[in-house]
Amino acid sequence: MSESWKKVKADEVRAGDAVRTQAGSVVTVSRIESSFLGMPNMLAFIEDTPERWFKQPMMADAEVEVRS
């Protein structure tokens, strides 16, 4: 079965979603930091697993791809 991706606004992503970054890597969102760097229109997706720790900041209204 092939993967299916849908486009949503970044502020619609929830913990547990798999998000494809602009660079093409896939981040499994463990938590979301709102008001990243004190800016209310920024957020950061954080993957925190035994395999890796990764943080991807972005604009809250940016369009991202989420695995469905």
N, C-alpha and C. Protein backbone atom coordinates (compact mmCIF):
# COMPACT_ATOMS: atom_id res chain seq x y z
N MET A 1 0.84 -1.18 0.00
CA MET A 1 0.00 0.00 0.00
C MET A 1 0.89 1.24 0.00
N SER A 2 0.59 2.19 -0.85
CA SER A 2 1.40 3.40 -0.94
C SER A 2 0.97 4.41 0.12
N GLU A 3 1.92 5.29 0.44
CA GLU A 3 1.62 6.33 1.42
C GLU A 3 0.74 7.39 0.78
N SER A 4 -0.11 7.98 1.59
CA SER A 4 -0.96 9.06 1.13
C SER A 4 -0.69 10.27 2.02
N TRP A 5 -0.53 11.43 1.40
CA TRP A 5 -0.23 12.65 2.12
C TRP A 5 -1.31 13.68 1.82
N LYS A 6 -1.67 14.46 2.83
CA LYS A 6 -2.63 15.55 2.60
C LYS A 6 -2.00 16.85 3.10
N LYS A 7 -2.37 17.95 2.46
CA LYS A 7 -1.85 19.25 2.85
C LYS A 7 -2.78 19.90 3.86
N VAL A 8 -2.18 20.41 4.95
CA VAL A 8 -2.92 21.11 5.99
C VAL A 8 -2.08 22.30 6.46
N LYS A 9 -2.69 23.20 7.18
CA LYS A 9 -1.94 24.30 7.80
C LYS A 9 -1.17 23.75 8.99
N ALA A 10 -0.01 24.29 9.25
CA ALA A 10 0.85 23.79 10.33
C ALA A 10 0.13 23.80 11.68
N ASP A 11 -0.74 24.79 11.91
CA ASP A 11 -1.41 24.84 13.22
C ASP A 11 -2.52 23.79 13.36
N GLU A 12 -2.77 22.99 12.31
CA GLU A 12 -3.74 21.89 12.38
C GLU A 12 -3.07 20.56 12.74
N VAL A 13 -1.74 20.51 12.73
CA VAL A 13 -1.00 19.29 13.05
C VAL A 13 -1.14 19.00 14.53
N ARG A 14 -1.25 17.73 14.86
CA ARG A 14 -1.39 17.29 16.26
C ARG A 14 -0.29 16.29 16.59
N ALA A 15 -0.01 16.14 17.88
CA ALA A 15 0.97 15.15 18.33
C ALA A 15 0.56 13.78 17.79
N GLY A 16 1.55 13.04 17.30
CA GLY A 16 1.31 11.73 16.70
C GLY A 16 1.27 11.76 15.19
N ASP A 17 1.07 12.93 14.59
CA ASP A 17 1.06 13.05 13.13
C ASP A 17 2.47 12.89 12.57
N ALA A 18 2.56 12.32 11.38
CA ALA A 18 3.81 12.25 10.64
C ALA A 18 3.78 13.37 9.61
N VAL A 19 4.76 14.26 9.67
CA VAL A 19 4.82 15.44 8.82
C VAL A 19 6.05 15.34 7.92
N ARG A 20 5.87 15.64 6.63
CA ARG A 20 7.00 15.68 5.71
C ARG A 20 7.48 17.12 5.62
N THR A 21 8.77 17.33 5.90
CA THR A 21 9.35 18.68 5.87
C THR A 21 9.63 19.08 4.43
N GLN A 22 9.93 20.36 4.22
CA GLN A 22 10.28 20.84 2.88
C GLN A 22 11.53 20.15 2.35
N ALA A 23 12.41 19.73 3.25
CA ALA A 23 13.63 19.03 2.85
C ALA A 23 13.36 17.57 2.49
N GLY A 24 12.13 17.09 2.77
CA GLY A 24 11.76 15.73 2.41
C GLY A 24 11.86 14.71 3.52
N SER A 25 12.38 15.10 4.68
CA SER A 25 12.43 14.14 5.79
C SER A 25 11.07 14.08 6.48
N VAL A 26 10.82 12.97 7.14
CA VAL A 26 9.55 12.77 7.83
C VAL A 26 9.77 12.88 9.33
N VAL A 27 8.97 13.70 9.98
CA VAL A 27 9.04 13.93 11.42
C VAL A 27 7.77 13.38 12.05
N THR A 28 7.92 12.50 13.04
CA THR A 28 6.76 12.04 13.81
C THR A 28 6.65 12.98 15.01
N VAL A 29 5.61 13.78 15.03
CA VAL A 29 5.48 14.87 16.01
C VAL A 29 5.16 14.30 17.38
N SER A 30 6.07 14.50 18.34
CA SER A 30 5.85 14.10 19.72
C SER A 30 5.14 15.20 20.50
N ARG A 31 5.54 16.44 20.20
CA ARG A 31 4.89 17.59 20.84
C ARG A 31 5.10 18.82 19.95
N ILE A 32 4.33 19.85 20.25
CA ILE A 32 4.38 21.08 19.45
C ILE A 32 4.62 22.25 20.39
N GLU A 33 5.64 23.03 20.08
CA GLU A 33 5.94 24.22 20.86
C GLU A 33 5.28 25.41 20.18
N SER A 34 4.35 26.04 20.87
CA SER A 34 3.68 27.21 20.30
C SER A 34 4.46 28.47 20.66
N SER A 35 4.20 29.53 19.95
CA SER A 35 4.90 30.81 20.13
C SER A 35 6.41 30.61 20.17
N PHE A 36 6.92 29.86 19.20
CA PHE A 36 8.35 29.58 19.11
C PHE A 36 9.13 30.90 19.03
N LEU A 37 10.18 30.99 19.81
CA LEU A 37 11.02 32.19 19.93
C LEU A 37 10.22 33.42 20.35
N GLY A 38 9.11 33.19 21.07
CA GLY A 38 8.28 34.29 21.55
C GLY A 38 7.41 34.93 20.48
N MET A 39 7.34 34.30 19.32
CA MET A 39 6.55 34.84 18.22
C MET A 39 5.24 34.06 18.10
N PRO A 40 4.09 34.70 18.31
CA PRO A 40 2.82 33.97 18.31
C PRO A 40 2.46 33.32 16.97
N ASN A 41 3.07 33.77 15.88
CA ASN A 41 2.77 33.18 14.57
C ASN A 41 3.75 32.07 14.17
N MET A 42 4.62 31.67 15.12
CA MET A 42 5.58 30.59 14.88
C MET A 42 5.28 29.41 15.78
N LEU A 43 5.62 28.21 15.32
CA LEU A 43 5.54 27.01 16.15
C LEU A 43 6.70 26.11 15.77
N ALA A 44 6.89 25.06 16.55
CA ALA A 44 7.95 24.11 16.24
C ALA A 44 7.44 22.71 16.52
N PHE A 45 7.61 21.83 15.52
CA PHE A 45 7.29 20.41 15.70
C PHE A 45 8.52 19.74 16.31
N ILE A 46 8.30 18.94 17.33
CA ILE A 46 9.40 18.25 18.00
C ILE A 46 9.18 16.76 17.94
N GLU A 47 10.19 16.05 17.44
CA GLU A 47 10.19 14.58 17.49
C GLU A 47 11.17 14.20 18.58
N ASP A 48 10.68 13.47 19.58
CA ASP A 48 11.50 13.07 20.71
C ASP A 48 11.32 11.57 20.90
N THR A 49 12.20 10.80 20.26
CA THR A 49 12.13 9.34 20.33
C THR A 49 13.49 8.82 20.76
N PRO A 50 13.58 7.54 21.12
CA PRO A 50 14.90 6.97 21.46
C PRO A 50 15.88 7.04 20.29
N GLU A 51 15.36 7.06 19.05
CA GLU A 51 16.21 7.09 17.87
C GLU A 51 16.75 8.48 17.55
N ARG A 52 15.94 9.52 17.80
CA ARG A 52 16.41 10.87 17.48
C ARG A 52 15.57 11.94 18.18
N TRP A 53 16.21 13.10 18.30
CA TRP A 53 15.53 14.31 18.76
C TRP A 53 15.66 15.30 17.63
N PHE A 54 14.51 15.88 17.20
CA PHE A 54 14.51 16.77 16.05
C PHE A 54 13.50 17.87 16.28
N LYS A 55 13.84 19.09 15.91
CA LYS A 55 12.93 20.23 16.06
C LYS A 55 12.84 20.96 14.73
N GLN A 56 11.60 21.18 14.26
CA GLN A 56 11.38 21.86 12.98
C GLN A 56 10.50 23.08 13.21
N PRO A 57 11.08 24.29 13.25
CA PRO A 57 10.27 25.50 13.40
C PRO A 57 9.61 25.87 12.07
N MET A 58 8.46 26.56 12.16
CA MET A 58 7.78 27.05 10.96
C MET A 58 6.68 28.02 11.33
N MET A 59 6.20 28.71 10.33
CA MET A 59 5.08 29.63 10.52
C MET A 59 3.81 28.81 10.77
N ALA A 60 2.96 29.29 11.66
CA ALA A 60 1.73 28.56 12.01
C ALA A 60 0.79 28.40 10.83
N ASP A 61 0.83 29.35 9.88
CA ASP A 61 -0.08 29.26 8.74
C ASP A 61 0.58 28.62 7.50
N ALA A 62 1.78 28.07 7.66
CA ALA A 62 2.45 27.40 6.54
C ALA A 62 1.71 26.13 6.18
N GLU A 63 1.76 25.76 4.91
CA GLU A 63 1.16 24.53 4.45
C GLU A 63 2.17 23.40 4.58
N VAL A 64 1.75 22.29 5.22
CA VAL A 64 2.62 21.13 5.40
C VAL A 64 1.89 19.88 4.92
N GLU A 65 2.66 18.82 4.70
CA GLU A 65 2.08 17.54 4.30
C GLU A 65 2.06 16.61 5.50
N VAL A 66 0.88 16.01 5.73
CA VAL A 66 0.70 15.07 6.83
C VAL A 66 0.29 13.73 6.25
N ARG A 67 0.91 12.66 6.75
CA ARG A 67 0.57 11.32 6.27
C ARG A 67 -0.84 10.98 6.76
N SER A 68 -1.65 10.50 5.82
CA SER A 68 -3.03 10.14 6.20
C SER A 68 -3.26 8.65 6.00
